[in-house]
Amino acid sequence: MNGEHAKARRALVERLRRRGYVESDRVADALRGVPRHEFVPERSRDRAYSDRPLSIGNDQTVSAPHMVALMSELLDPDPADDVLEVGTGCGYHAAVTAELLPAGHVYSVEYDADLAAAARETLARLGYDDRVSVRVGDGREGWPDHAPFDGAYVTCAVPSVPDAIRDQLRAGGRIVAPVGDAHQELVLLEKRADGTFERSDHGGVRFVRIQG
């Protein structure tokens, strides 16, 4: 079965390349390297490599692979970066980011204690616990103990990017987030040396709203 899963991951990445969601070899390798089926409930494993969001319980979903790919391309972290993730969910997106950070670290904040515990267990079982830390809390507050971050991304919709996340980003860093309510837009913010941000929009999206 592991061989079948690996084959399905390779096929998924090729589909995403053809559709333009994956451009860099780094992101392609990261997606091929993470066993998405290990992060989703047993009942959904036969759909793990379809390009669609899947329920992970507690009214939450894991994003479709094309969205994880797009956000990874936009974030474009360096291998030694420290990155903040808001919304651990099942841990899949954090694992993909960790694959991009062989010498860096992902600091992930999850509001739901049950999801955080399950993600922490899965990440440890798959060998990511040395590159991903998970804490329970309000992601809008970031993780000040480990700031400043070289990059940050949000896996749930926010009305606007919280000030704490902006403040905890280094100059030159990037934030990727779905912003909006009834209409959501995937937004990239790049922090200038003077602390202001340059914004670019990257299409309409639909994410679960941030909790709390």
N, C-alpha and C. Protein backbone atom coordinates (compact mmCIF):
# COMPACT_ATOMS: atom_id res chain seq x y z
N MET A 1 0.82 -1.21 0.00
CA MET A 1 0.00 0.00 0.00
C MET A 1 0.86 1.27 0.00
N ASN A 2 2.02 1.22 0.70
CA ASN A 2 2.88 2.39 0.71
C ASN A 2 3.33 2.77 -0.69
N GLY A 3 3.62 1.75 -1.52
CA GLY A 3 4.00 2.02 -2.89
C GLY A 3 2.88 2.67 -3.67
N GLU A 4 1.66 2.22 -3.43
CA GLU A 4 0.50 2.82 -4.10
C GLU A 4 0.32 4.27 -3.67
N HIS A 5 0.50 4.54 -2.37
CA HIS A 5 0.37 5.91 -1.88
C HIS A 5 1.43 6.82 -2.49
N ALA A 6 2.67 6.32 -2.58
CA ALA A 6 3.74 7.12 -3.17
C ALA A 6 3.45 7.40 -4.64
N LYS A 7 2.96 6.41 -5.34
CA LYS A 7 2.59 6.60 -6.74
C LYS A 7 1.47 7.63 -6.88
N ALA A 8 0.48 7.57 -5.98
CA ALA A 8 -0.63 8.52 -6.01
C ALA A 8 -0.14 9.94 -5.72
N ARG A 9 0.82 10.08 -4.80
CA ARG A 9 1.38 11.41 -4.51
C ARG A 9 2.11 11.97 -5.72
N ARG A 10 2.89 11.12 -6.38
CA ARG A 10 3.62 11.59 -7.57
C ARG A 10 2.63 12.04 -8.64
N ALA A 11 1.57 11.28 -8.83
CA ALA A 11 0.57 11.64 -9.84
C ALA A 11 -0.12 12.94 -9.48
N LEU A 12 -0.42 13.13 -8.19
CA LEU A 12 -1.05 14.37 -7.74
C LEU A 12 -0.16 15.56 -8.04
N VAL A 13 1.12 15.46 -7.72
CA VAL A 13 2.04 16.57 -7.96
C VAL A 13 2.13 16.89 -9.45
N GLU A 14 2.13 15.89 -10.29
CA GLU A 14 2.17 16.14 -11.73
C GLU A 14 0.92 16.87 -12.19
N ARG A 15 -0.23 16.49 -11.65
CA ARG A 15 -1.48 17.20 -11.99
C ARG A 15 -1.40 18.66 -11.55
N LEU A 16 -0.87 18.89 -10.36
CA LEU A 16 -0.77 20.26 -9.86
C LEU A 16 0.24 21.07 -10.68
N ARG A 17 1.29 20.42 -11.16
CA ARG A 17 2.24 21.11 -12.04
C ARG A 17 1.56 21.54 -13.33
N ARG A 18 0.80 20.63 -13.92
CA ARG A 18 0.14 20.95 -15.19
C ARG A 18 -0.86 22.09 -15.02
N ARG A 19 -1.49 22.16 -13.86
CA ARG A 19 -2.48 23.20 -13.61
C ARG A 19 -1.85 24.51 -13.15
N GLY A 20 -0.54 24.53 -12.94
CA GLY A 20 0.16 25.77 -12.61
C GLY A 20 0.26 26.09 -11.14
N TYR A 21 -0.16 25.17 -10.28
CA TYR A 21 -0.08 25.43 -8.84
C TYR A 21 1.30 25.16 -8.28
N VAL A 22 2.03 24.25 -8.90
CA VAL A 22 3.39 23.93 -8.47
C VAL A 22 4.35 24.36 -9.55
N GLU A 23 5.25 25.27 -9.18
CA GLU A 23 6.24 25.76 -10.13
C GLU A 23 7.66 25.35 -9.73
N SER A 24 7.94 25.37 -8.44
CA SER A 24 9.30 25.10 -7.99
C SER A 24 9.50 23.61 -7.68
N ASP A 25 10.71 23.14 -7.90
CA ASP A 25 11.04 21.76 -7.56
C ASP A 25 10.96 21.54 -6.05
N ARG A 26 11.28 22.57 -5.27
CA ARG A 26 11.23 22.45 -3.81
C ARG A 26 9.83 22.11 -3.33
N VAL A 27 8.83 22.82 -3.85
CA VAL A 27 7.46 22.56 -3.44
C VAL A 27 7.00 21.19 -3.94
N ALA A 28 7.39 20.85 -5.17
CA ALA A 28 7.04 19.52 -5.69
C ALA A 28 7.62 18.43 -4.80
N ASP A 29 8.88 18.57 -4.41
CA ASP A 29 9.51 17.56 -3.56
C ASP A 29 8.84 17.49 -2.20
N ALA A 30 8.45 18.66 -1.66
CA ALA A 30 7.79 18.69 -0.35
C ALA A 30 6.46 17.95 -0.39
N LEU A 31 5.68 18.20 -1.43
CA LEU A 31 4.39 17.53 -1.55
C LEU A 31 4.54 16.03 -1.75
N ARG A 32 5.55 15.65 -2.53
CA ARG A 32 5.80 14.21 -2.73
C ARG A 32 6.30 13.55 -1.45
N GLY A 33 6.92 14.34 -0.57
CA GLY A 33 7.54 13.78 0.62
C GLY A 33 6.60 13.55 1.79
N VAL A 34 5.41 14.16 1.75
CA VAL A 34 4.51 14.08 2.91
C VAL A 34 3.35 13.12 2.62
N PRO A 35 3.18 12.08 3.43
CA PRO A 35 2.09 11.13 3.24
C PRO A 35 0.75 11.70 3.75
N ARG A 36 0.02 12.38 2.88
CA ARG A 36 -1.22 13.03 3.29
C ARG A 36 -2.21 12.05 3.91
N HIS A 37 -2.19 10.80 3.44
CA HIS A 37 -3.14 9.82 3.97
C HIS A 37 -2.94 9.57 5.46
N GLU A 38 -1.74 9.82 5.98
CA GLU A 38 -1.48 9.61 7.40
C GLU A 38 -2.13 10.69 8.27
N PHE A 39 -2.52 11.80 7.66
CA PHE A 39 -3.05 12.93 8.42
C PHE A 39 -4.58 13.01 8.41
N VAL A 40 -5.22 12.18 7.62
CA VAL A 40 -6.68 12.26 7.50
C VAL A 40 -7.32 11.04 8.16
N PRO A 41 -8.60 11.15 8.54
CA PRO A 41 -9.25 10.01 9.18
C PRO A 41 -9.26 8.78 8.27
N GLU A 42 -9.30 7.61 8.88
CA GLU A 42 -9.27 6.34 8.14
C GLU A 42 -10.31 6.30 7.03
N ARG A 43 -11.49 6.82 7.32
CA ARG A 43 -12.60 6.75 6.34
C ARG A 43 -12.32 7.58 5.09
N SER A 44 -11.35 8.50 5.18
CA SER A 44 -11.07 9.39 4.05
C SER A 44 -9.77 9.05 3.32
N ARG A 45 -9.11 7.99 3.74
CA ARG A 45 -7.78 7.73 3.18
C ARG A 45 -7.79 7.36 1.70
N ASP A 46 -8.90 6.80 1.23
CA ASP A 46 -8.97 6.47 -0.19
C ASP A 46 -9.09 7.73 -1.05
N ARG A 47 -9.36 8.88 -0.41
CA ARG A 47 -9.46 10.15 -1.15
C ARG A 47 -8.31 11.10 -0.82
N ALA A 48 -7.31 10.60 -0.12
CA ALA A 48 -6.23 11.47 0.37
C ALA A 48 -5.48 12.17 -0.74
N TYR A 49 -5.41 11.55 -1.93
CA TYR A 49 -4.64 12.14 -3.02
C TYR A 49 -5.51 12.67 -4.15
N SER A 50 -6.78 12.90 -3.83
CA SER A 50 -7.63 13.70 -4.70
C SER A 50 -7.42 15.16 -4.31
N ASP A 51 -7.57 16.06 -5.24
CA ASP A 51 -7.28 17.46 -4.96
C ASP A 51 -8.54 18.14 -4.39
N ARG A 52 -8.81 17.83 -3.14
CA ARG A 52 -9.99 18.38 -2.50
C ARG A 52 -9.76 18.48 -1.00
N PRO A 53 -10.45 19.42 -0.33
CA PRO A 53 -10.38 19.45 1.12
C PRO A 53 -11.10 18.25 1.70
N LEU A 54 -10.68 17.82 2.88
CA LEU A 54 -11.30 16.67 3.54
C LEU A 54 -11.58 17.03 5.00
N SER A 55 -12.69 16.50 5.52
CA SER A 55 -13.02 16.72 6.92
C SER A 55 -12.02 16.01 7.82
N ILE A 56 -11.61 16.71 8.89
CA ILE A 56 -10.72 16.09 9.88
C ILE A 56 -11.39 16.06 11.26
N GLY A 57 -12.71 16.37 11.29
CA GLY A 57 -13.44 16.38 12.55
C GLY A 57 -13.46 17.75 13.19
N ASN A 58 -14.33 17.90 14.20
CA ASN A 58 -14.45 19.16 14.95
C ASN A 58 -14.75 20.34 14.04
N ASP A 59 -15.53 20.06 12.96
CA ASP A 59 -15.93 21.10 12.00
C ASP A 59 -14.75 21.76 11.29
N GLN A 60 -13.66 21.03 11.15
CA GLN A 60 -12.47 21.55 10.48
C GLN A 60 -12.14 20.67 9.28
N THR A 61 -11.37 21.24 8.35
CA THR A 61 -10.95 20.50 7.17
C THR A 61 -9.44 20.65 6.95
N VAL A 62 -8.87 19.73 6.21
CA VAL A 62 -7.52 19.90 5.70
C VAL A 62 -7.66 20.46 4.29
N SER A 63 -6.86 21.48 3.98
CA SER A 63 -6.98 22.16 2.70
C SER A 63 -6.68 21.22 1.54
N ALA A 64 -7.25 21.53 0.40
CA ALA A 64 -6.93 20.80 -0.83
C ALA A 64 -5.44 20.95 -1.14
N PRO A 65 -4.81 19.92 -1.68
CA PRO A 65 -3.38 20.00 -1.98
C PRO A 65 -2.99 21.19 -2.86
N HIS A 66 -3.86 21.58 -3.82
CA HIS A 66 -3.48 22.72 -4.67
C HIS A 66 -3.36 24.00 -3.86
N MET A 67 -4.16 24.13 -2.80
CA MET A 67 -4.08 25.33 -1.97
C MET A 67 -2.83 25.33 -1.11
N VAL A 68 -2.48 24.16 -0.58
CA VAL A 68 -1.23 24.04 0.18
C VAL A 68 -0.05 24.37 -0.74
N ALA A 69 -0.11 23.88 -1.97
CA ALA A 69 0.96 24.16 -2.94
C ALA A 69 1.06 25.64 -3.24
N LEU A 70 -0.08 26.28 -3.51
CA LEU A 70 -0.08 27.71 -3.84
C LEU A 70 0.45 28.53 -2.68
N MET A 71 0.00 28.23 -1.47
CA MET A 71 0.47 28.99 -0.31
C MET A 71 1.96 28.77 -0.07
N SER A 72 2.44 27.56 -0.34
CA SER A 72 3.87 27.28 -0.19
C SER A 72 4.69 28.04 -1.21
N GLU A 73 4.19 28.11 -2.43
CA GLU A 73 4.89 28.87 -3.48
C GLU A 73 4.95 30.36 -3.11
N LEU A 74 3.86 30.89 -2.59
CA LEU A 74 3.82 32.31 -2.22
C LEU A 74 4.72 32.60 -1.03
N LEU A 75 4.72 31.71 -0.04
CA LEU A 75 5.55 31.93 1.14
C LEU A 75 7.03 31.84 0.78
N ASP A 76 7.40 30.86 -0.04
CA ASP A 76 8.76 30.71 -0.58
C ASP A 76 9.84 30.87 0.50
N PRO A 77 9.78 30.05 1.56
CA PRO A 77 10.75 30.23 2.66
C PRO A 77 12.14 29.74 2.29
N ASP A 78 13.14 30.31 2.94
CA ASP A 78 14.50 29.80 2.83
C ASP A 78 14.63 28.56 3.71
N PRO A 79 15.58 27.69 3.41
CA PRO A 79 15.69 26.41 4.13
C PRO A 79 15.91 26.54 5.64
N ALA A 80 16.47 27.65 6.11
CA ALA A 80 16.75 27.80 7.54
C ALA A 80 15.78 28.74 8.23
N ASP A 81 14.68 29.08 7.58
CA ASP A 81 13.73 30.03 8.16
C ASP A 81 12.96 29.45 9.35
N ASP A 82 12.53 30.34 10.23
CA ASP A 82 11.55 30.03 11.26
C ASP A 82 10.21 30.59 10.80
N VAL A 83 9.20 29.73 10.75
CA VAL A 83 7.91 30.09 10.17
C VAL A 83 6.79 29.88 11.19
N LEU A 84 5.88 30.83 11.26
CA LEU A 84 4.70 30.73 12.11
C LEU A 84 3.52 30.22 11.29
N GLU A 85 2.85 29.20 11.81
CA GLU A 85 1.61 28.71 11.20
C GLU A 85 0.47 28.96 12.16
N VAL A 86 -0.61 29.56 11.68
CA VAL A 86 -1.82 29.76 12.48
C VAL A 86 -2.87 28.78 11.98
N GLY A 87 -3.21 27.81 12.83
CA GLY A 87 -4.17 26.78 12.46
C GLY A 87 -3.49 25.49 12.07
N THR A 88 -3.10 24.67 13.06
CA THR A 88 -2.40 23.43 12.79
C THR A 88 -3.30 22.42 12.08
N GLY A 89 -4.58 22.37 12.50
CA GLY A 89 -5.48 21.36 11.96
C GLY A 89 -4.93 19.97 12.21
N CYS A 90 -4.84 19.17 11.16
CA CYS A 90 -4.32 17.80 11.29
C CYS A 90 -2.80 17.74 11.21
N GLY A 91 -2.15 18.85 10.84
CA GLY A 91 -0.69 18.88 10.77
C GLY A 91 -0.11 18.70 9.38
N TYR A 92 -0.96 18.43 8.38
CA TYR A 92 -0.45 18.17 7.03
C TYR A 92 0.30 19.37 6.46
N HIS A 93 -0.31 20.55 6.53
CA HIS A 93 0.33 21.73 5.95
C HIS A 93 1.65 22.02 6.67
N ALA A 94 1.67 21.84 7.99
CA ALA A 94 2.91 22.06 8.73
C ALA A 94 4.00 21.10 8.27
N ALA A 95 3.63 19.86 7.97
CA ALA A 95 4.62 18.89 7.49
C ALA A 95 5.18 19.29 6.14
N VAL A 96 4.31 19.76 5.25
CA VAL A 96 4.79 20.24 3.94
C VAL A 96 5.76 21.40 4.13
N THR A 97 5.40 22.34 5.00
CA THR A 97 6.29 23.47 5.27
C THR A 97 7.60 22.99 5.85
N ALA A 98 7.54 22.02 6.76
CA ALA A 98 8.77 21.49 7.35
C ALA A 98 9.69 20.88 6.30
N GLU A 99 9.11 20.26 5.28
CA GLU A 99 9.93 19.71 4.19
C GLU A 99 10.70 20.82 3.47
N LEU A 100 10.15 22.02 3.48
CA LEU A 100 10.82 23.16 2.85
C LEU A 100 11.87 23.79 3.77
N LEU A 101 11.92 23.33 5.03
CA LEU A 101 12.78 23.96 6.04
C LEU A 101 13.72 22.92 6.67
N PRO A 102 14.62 22.32 5.91
CA PRO A 102 15.50 21.29 6.47
C PRO A 102 16.35 21.80 7.63
N ALA A 103 16.61 23.10 7.66
CA ALA A 103 17.40 23.68 8.75
C ALA A 103 16.61 24.72 9.53
N GLY A 104 15.30 24.76 9.32
CA GLY A 104 14.44 25.74 9.99
C GLY A 104 13.43 25.07 10.89
N HIS A 105 12.37 25.81 11.24
CA HIS A 105 11.39 25.29 12.18
C HIS A 105 10.03 25.92 11.92
N VAL A 106 8.98 25.11 12.11
CA VAL A 106 7.60 25.58 12.04
C VAL A 106 7.05 25.67 13.46
N TYR A 107 6.53 26.84 13.81
CA TYR A 107 5.86 27.05 15.10
C TYR A 107 4.38 27.21 14.81
N SER A 108 3.60 26.21 15.21
CA SER A 108 2.19 26.16 14.81
C SER A 108 1.28 26.32 16.02
N VAL A 109 0.24 27.15 15.86
CA VAL A 109 -0.70 27.43 16.93
C VAL A 109 -2.08 26.92 16.52
N GLU A 110 -2.70 26.10 17.38
CA GLU A 110 -4.01 25.53 17.11
C GLU A 110 -4.96 25.83 18.26
N TYR A 111 -6.16 26.31 17.92
CA TYR A 111 -7.16 26.68 18.94
C TYR A 111 -7.77 25.45 19.60
N ASP A 112 -7.98 24.38 18.83
CA ASP A 112 -8.66 23.19 19.31
C ASP A 112 -7.66 22.21 19.93
N ALA A 113 -7.82 21.96 21.22
CA ALA A 113 -6.84 21.12 21.93
C ALA A 113 -6.80 19.69 21.40
N ASP A 114 -7.96 19.14 21.02
CA ASP A 114 -8.00 17.78 20.50
C ASP A 114 -7.25 17.66 19.18
N LEU A 115 -7.47 18.63 18.28
CA LEU A 115 -6.77 18.62 17.00
C LEU A 115 -5.27 18.80 17.21
N ALA A 116 -4.90 19.69 18.13
CA ALA A 116 -3.48 19.92 18.40
C ALA A 116 -2.81 18.65 18.88
N ALA A 117 -3.46 17.93 19.79
CA ALA A 117 -2.88 16.70 20.33
C ALA A 117 -2.73 15.64 19.24
N ALA A 118 -3.75 15.50 18.41
CA ALA A 118 -3.69 14.50 17.34
C ALA A 118 -2.61 14.87 16.32
N ALA A 119 -2.52 16.16 15.97
CA ALA A 119 -1.49 16.60 15.02
C ALA A 119 -0.10 16.37 15.58
N ARG A 120 0.08 16.70 16.84
CA ARG A 120 1.39 16.52 17.47
C ARG A 120 1.81 15.05 17.43
N GLU A 121 0.85 14.16 17.69
CA GLU A 121 1.14 12.73 17.67
C GLU A 121 1.51 12.26 16.27
N THR A 122 0.75 12.69 15.27
CA THR A 122 1.04 12.28 13.88
C THR A 122 2.38 12.81 13.42
N LEU A 123 2.64 14.07 13.71
CA LEU A 123 3.91 14.68 13.30
C LEU A 123 5.09 13.97 13.95
N ALA A 124 4.95 13.61 15.22
CA ALA A 124 6.03 12.90 15.91
C ALA A 124 6.23 11.51 15.31
N ARG A 125 5.15 10.82 15.04
CA ARG A 125 5.24 9.46 14.48
C ARG A 125 5.93 9.45 13.13
N LEU A 126 5.75 10.53 12.37
CA LEU A 126 6.33 10.61 11.03
C LEU A 126 7.69 11.30 11.01
N GLY A 127 8.19 11.67 12.20
CA GLY A 127 9.53 12.21 12.29
C GLY A 127 9.66 13.71 12.10
N TYR A 128 8.57 14.44 12.28
CA TYR A 128 8.62 15.89 12.09
C TYR A 128 8.73 16.66 13.41
N ASP A 129 8.78 15.97 14.53
CA ASP A 129 8.75 16.68 15.81
C ASP A 129 10.01 17.50 16.07
N ASP A 130 11.08 17.26 15.31
CA ASP A 130 12.27 18.09 15.47
C ASP A 130 12.20 19.37 14.65
N ARG A 131 11.19 19.47 13.76
CA ARG A 131 11.05 20.66 12.92
C ARG A 131 9.71 21.36 13.05
N VAL A 132 8.79 20.77 13.82
CA VAL A 132 7.47 21.36 14.01
C VAL A 132 7.12 21.35 15.50
N SER A 133 6.79 22.51 16.05
CA SER A 133 6.28 22.61 17.42
C SER A 133 4.84 23.07 17.36
N VAL A 134 3.98 22.48 18.19
CA VAL A 134 2.56 22.81 18.19
C VAL A 134 2.16 23.24 19.60
N ARG A 135 1.46 24.35 19.70
CA ARG A 135 0.90 24.74 20.99
C ARG A 135 -0.58 25.07 20.83
N VAL A 136 -1.32 24.94 21.91
CA VAL A 136 -2.74 25.28 21.93
C VAL A 136 -2.87 26.75 22.32
N GLY A 137 -3.64 27.50 21.54
CA GLY A 137 -3.83 28.91 21.86
C GLY A 137 -4.58 29.62 20.77
N ASP A 138 -4.72 30.91 20.93
CA ASP A 138 -5.37 31.77 19.94
C ASP A 138 -4.33 32.21 18.92
N GLY A 139 -4.46 31.72 17.71
CA GLY A 139 -3.48 32.01 16.67
C GLY A 139 -3.35 33.48 16.35
N ARG A 140 -4.38 34.26 16.67
CA ARG A 140 -4.31 35.70 16.41
C ARG A 140 -3.23 36.39 17.23
N GLU A 141 -2.78 35.69 18.28
CA GLU A 141 -1.72 36.24 19.13
C GLU A 141 -0.34 35.80 18.67
N GLY A 142 -0.29 34.94 17.65
CA GLY A 142 0.99 34.43 17.18
C GLY A 142 1.66 33.56 18.22
N TRP A 143 2.99 33.58 18.23
CA TRP A 143 3.76 32.83 19.23
C TRP A 143 4.95 33.72 19.61
N PRO A 144 4.70 34.71 20.48
CA PRO A 144 5.72 35.72 20.75
C PRO A 144 7.03 35.18 21.29
N ASP A 145 6.99 34.03 21.99
CA ASP A 145 8.23 33.49 22.57
C ASP A 145 9.25 33.12 21.51
N HIS A 146 8.80 32.86 20.29
CA HIS A 146 9.72 32.45 19.23
C HIS A 146 9.86 33.49 18.12
N ALA A 147 9.27 34.65 18.31
CA ALA A 147 9.39 35.73 17.33
C ALA A 147 10.77 36.38 17.46
N PRO A 148 11.26 37.03 16.40
CA PRO A 148 10.56 37.27 15.13
C PRO A 148 10.67 36.08 14.18
N PHE A 149 9.68 35.99 13.29
CA PHE A 149 9.62 34.93 12.29
C PHE A 149 10.04 35.44 10.92
N ASP A 150 10.56 34.52 10.12
CA ASP A 150 10.93 34.87 8.75
C ASP A 150 9.74 34.81 7.80
N GLY A 151 8.70 34.08 8.20
CA GLY A 151 7.49 33.97 7.39
C GLY A 151 6.35 33.51 8.27
N ALA A 152 5.12 33.70 7.78
CA ALA A 152 3.94 33.25 8.51
C ALA A 152 2.83 32.96 7.52
N TYR A 153 1.96 32.03 7.88
CA TYR A 153 0.78 31.78 7.06
C TYR A 153 -0.38 31.36 7.94
N VAL A 154 -1.57 31.60 7.44
CA VAL A 154 -2.80 31.37 8.19
C VAL A 154 -3.65 30.38 7.40
N THR A 155 -4.11 29.32 8.06
CA THR A 155 -4.86 28.27 7.35
C THR A 155 -6.36 28.37 7.60
N CYS A 156 -6.81 29.49 8.13
CA CYS A 156 -8.23 29.75 8.34
C CYS A 156 -8.49 31.21 8.00
N ALA A 157 -9.72 31.51 7.60
CA ALA A 157 -10.03 32.86 7.13
C ALA A 157 -10.06 33.85 8.29
N VAL A 158 -9.44 35.01 8.07
CA VAL A 158 -9.43 36.09 9.05
C VAL A 158 -10.00 37.35 8.40
N PRO A 159 -10.70 38.19 9.18
CA PRO A 159 -11.20 39.45 8.62
C PRO A 159 -10.08 40.34 8.10
N SER A 160 -8.96 40.32 8.81
CA SER A 160 -7.73 41.00 8.38
C SER A 160 -6.58 40.29 9.10
N VAL A 161 -5.37 40.45 8.60
CA VAL A 161 -4.24 39.79 9.23
C VAL A 161 -3.99 40.45 10.59
N PRO A 162 -4.04 39.67 11.67
CA PRO A 162 -3.90 40.25 13.01
C PRO A 162 -2.60 41.02 13.20
N ASP A 163 -2.68 42.09 14.00
CA ASP A 163 -1.51 42.93 14.24
C ASP A 163 -0.36 42.14 14.86
N ALA A 164 -0.69 41.20 15.76
CA ALA A 164 0.38 40.45 16.43
C ALA A 164 1.21 39.67 15.42
N ILE A 165 0.57 39.10 14.42
CA ILE A 165 1.30 38.34 13.41
C ILE A 165 2.16 39.28 12.56
N ARG A 166 1.60 40.43 12.23
CA ARG A 166 2.39 41.43 11.49
C ARG A 166 3.62 41.85 12.30
N ASP A 167 3.40 42.10 13.60
CA ASP A 167 4.48 42.61 14.45
C ASP A 167 5.56 41.56 14.66
N GLN A 168 5.19 40.29 14.65
CA GLN A 168 6.16 39.22 14.92
C GLN A 168 6.95 38.79 13.69
N LEU A 169 6.74 39.46 12.57
CA LEU A 169 7.44 39.14 11.33
C LEU A 169 8.66 40.03 11.15
N ARG A 170 9.75 39.43 10.73
CA ARG A 170 10.95 40.20 10.41
C ARG A 170 10.72 41.07 9.17
N ALA A 171 11.48 42.15 9.06
CA ALA A 171 11.49 42.92 7.83
C ALA A 171 11.97 42.01 6.70
N GLY A 172 11.29 42.08 5.58
CA GLY A 172 11.61 41.22 4.44
C GLY A 172 10.83 39.92 4.44
N GLY A 173 10.09 39.65 5.53
CA GLY A 173 9.32 38.42 5.63
C GLY A 173 7.99 38.50 4.91
N ARG A 174 7.35 37.35 4.77
CA ARG A 174 6.08 37.26 4.06
C ARG A 174 5.00 36.62 4.93
N ILE A 175 3.78 37.08 4.75
CA ILE A 175 2.60 36.47 5.36
C ILE A 175 1.65 36.08 4.25
N VAL A 176 1.14 34.84 4.30
CA VAL A 176 0.14 34.37 3.34
C VAL A 176 -1.11 34.03 4.15
N ALA A 177 -2.26 34.58 3.74
CA ALA A 177 -3.48 34.36 4.52
C ALA A 177 -4.72 34.55 3.67
N PRO A 178 -5.77 33.75 3.95
CA PRO A 178 -7.09 34.02 3.36
C PRO A 178 -7.78 35.11 4.17
N VAL A 179 -8.12 36.20 3.50
CA VAL A 179 -8.66 37.36 4.20
C VAL A 179 -10.07 37.66 3.68
N GLY A 180 -11.00 37.85 4.61
CA GLY A 180 -12.35 38.22 4.21
C GLY A 180 -13.38 37.44 4.99
N ASP A 181 -14.64 37.73 4.70
CA ASP A 181 -15.75 37.06 5.38
C ASP A 181 -16.61 36.35 4.34
N ALA A 182 -17.64 37.02 3.84
CA ALA A 182 -18.47 36.41 2.80
C ALA A 182 -17.64 36.15 1.54
N HIS A 183 -16.75 37.09 1.22
CA HIS A 183 -15.81 36.90 0.12
C HIS A 183 -14.41 36.88 0.68
N GLN A 184 -13.66 35.83 0.38
CA GLN A 184 -12.29 35.69 0.87
C GLN A 184 -11.31 35.78 -0.29
N GLU A 185 -10.18 36.40 -0.03
CA GLU A 185 -9.12 36.55 -1.01
C GLU A 185 -7.83 36.03 -0.40
N LEU A 186 -7.07 35.25 -1.17
CA LEU A 186 -5.75 34.83 -0.70
C LEU A 186 -4.78 35.99 -0.87
N VAL A 187 -4.21 36.41 0.24
CA VAL A 187 -3.41 37.65 0.28
C VAL A 187 -1.97 37.33 0.64
N LEU A 188 -1.05 38.00 -0.03
CA LEU A 188 0.37 37.97 0.32
C LEU A 188 0.77 39.34 0.82
N LEU A 189 1.31 39.41 2.04
CA LEU A 189 1.85 40.64 2.59
C LEU A 189 3.36 40.50 2.72
N GLU A 190 4.10 41.47 2.20
CA GLU A 190 5.55 41.48 2.30
C GLU A 190 5.97 42.69 3.13
N LYS A 191 6.72 42.42 4.20
CA LYS A 191 7.05 43.47 5.16
C LYS A 191 8.27 44.27 4.71
N ARG A 192 8.06 45.58 4.61
CA ARG A 192 9.15 46.48 4.22
C ARG A 192 10.03 46.80 5.43
N ALA A 193 11.18 47.40 5.16
CA ALA A 193 12.12 47.73 6.24
C ALA A 193 11.52 48.72 7.23
N ASP A 194 10.59 49.57 6.78
CA ASP A 194 9.99 50.56 7.68
C ASP A 194 8.80 50.01 8.45
N GLY A 195 8.50 48.71 8.30
CA GLY A 195 7.41 48.10 9.04
C GLY A 195 6.08 48.11 8.34
N THR A 196 5.97 48.78 7.20
CA THR A 196 4.74 48.75 6.42
C THR A 196 4.74 47.51 5.53
N PHE A 197 3.60 47.26 4.89
CA PHE A 197 3.44 46.04 4.11
C PHE A 197 3.01 46.35 2.68
N GLU A 198 3.56 45.58 1.76
CA GLU A 198 3.09 45.58 0.38
C GLU A 198 2.15 44.39 0.21
N ARG A 199 0.95 44.65 -0.32
CA ARG A 199 -0.07 43.60 -0.45
C ARG A 199 -0.28 43.24 -1.90
N SER A 200 -0.43 41.93 -2.14
CA SER A 200 -0.88 41.46 -3.45
C SER A 200 -1.94 40.39 -3.23
N ASP A 201 -2.94 40.34 -4.12
CA ASP A 201 -4.05 39.40 -4.01
C ASP A 201 -3.88 38.27 -5.03
N HIS A 202 -4.27 37.06 -4.63
CA HIS A 202 -3.99 35.89 -5.46
C HIS A 202 -5.22 35.00 -5.63
N GLY A 203 -6.37 35.61 -5.76
CA GLY A 203 -7.56 34.87 -6.14
C GLY A 203 -8.50 34.58 -4.98
N GLY A 204 -9.75 34.36 -5.34
CA GLY A 204 -10.77 34.04 -4.35
C GLY A 204 -10.58 32.64 -3.80
N VAL A 205 -10.85 32.49 -2.50
CA VAL A 205 -10.69 31.20 -1.82
C VAL A 205 -11.86 31.02 -0.85
N ARG A 206 -11.93 29.82 -0.29
CA ARG A 206 -12.96 29.53 0.70
C ARG A 206 -12.36 28.67 1.82
N PHE A 207 -12.15 29.28 2.96
CA PHE A 207 -11.56 28.61 4.12
C PHE A 207 -12.54 28.64 5.29
N VAL A 208 -12.38 27.69 6.20
CA VAL A 208 -13.10 27.74 7.47
C VAL A 208 -12.64 28.97 8.23
N ARG A 209 -13.58 29.65 8.87
CA ARG A 209 -13.21 30.87 9.62
C ARG A 209 -12.42 30.54 10.87
N ILE A 210 -11.59 31.51 11.27
CA ILE A 210 -10.79 31.33 12.47
C ILE A 210 -11.69 31.19 13.68
N GLN A 211 -11.30 30.33 14.63
CA GLN A 211 -12.09 30.10 15.84
C GLN A 211 -11.67 31.05 16.94
N GLY A 212 -12.56 31.16 17.92
CA GLY A 212 -12.23 31.95 19.09
C GLY A 212 -12.87 33.31 19.09
